[in-house]
Amino acid sequence: MPRKGNCFDNATAENFFGIMKSELLYAEEFESPEAFMKALEVY
């Protein structure tokens, strides 16, 4: 767990998930959660 007041602990993870959302999640519409999970494995 990150220390209180240290905002740079999650910077890498937040950056990765932000990029992943813009490239994968928001780029296409998925028919089901399973279809998203399959696309996520490929990503």
Protein backbone atom coordinates (compact mmCIF):
# COMPACT_ATOMS: atom_id res chain seq x y z
CA MET A 1 0.00 0.00 0.00
CA PRO A 2 1.43 3.39 -0.93
CA ARG A 3 2.38 5.80 1.77
CA LYS A 4 0.05 8.67 2.46
CA GLY A 5 0.95 11.82 0.58
CA ASN A 6 3.14 10.10 -2.03
CA CYS A 7 1.22 10.51 -5.29
CA PHE A 8 4.01 9.14 -7.50
CA ASP A 9 3.61 5.54 -6.27
CA ASN A 10 0.85 4.74 -8.78
CA ALA A 11 1.97 6.96 -11.66
CA THR A 12 3.19 4.05 -13.79
CA ALA A 13 0.09 1.91 -13.25
CA GLU A 14 -2.28 4.82 -13.81
CA ASN A 15 -0.46 5.74 -17.01
CA PHE A 16 -0.64 2.16 -18.32
CA PHE A 17 -4.34 1.75 -17.57
CA GLY A 18 -5.13 5.16 -19.07
CA ILE A 19 -3.40 4.19 -22.31
CA MET A 20 -5.05 0.76 -22.31
CA LYS A 21 -8.50 2.30 -21.88
CA SER A 22 -8.01 4.73 -24.74
CA GLU A 23 -6.50 2.12 -27.10
CA LEU A 24 -8.70 -0.86 -26.26
CA LEU A 25 -11.75 -0.18 -24.14
CA TYR A 26 -12.98 3.06 -25.72
CA ALA A 27 -11.84 2.20 -29.26
CA GLU A 28 -14.47 -0.47 -29.90
CA GLU A 29 -17.76 -1.77 -28.61
CA PHE A 30 -17.72 -5.27 -27.13
CA GLU A 31 -20.66 -7.66 -27.34
CA SER A 32 -19.99 -9.31 -24.00
CA PRO A 33 -17.57 -9.31 -21.08
CA GLU A 34 -16.03 -12.47 -22.53
CA ALA A 35 -15.28 -10.69 -25.80
CA PHE A 36 -13.56 -7.92 -23.86
CA MET A 37 -11.52 -10.43 -21.85
CA LYS A 38 -10.37 -12.12 -25.06
CA ALA A 39 -9.34 -8.77 -26.58
CA LEU A 40 -7.55 -7.90 -23.34
CA GLU A 41 -5.50 -11.11 -23.50
CA VAL A 42 -4.41 -10.23 -27.03
CA TYR A 43 -3.57 -6.68 -25.96
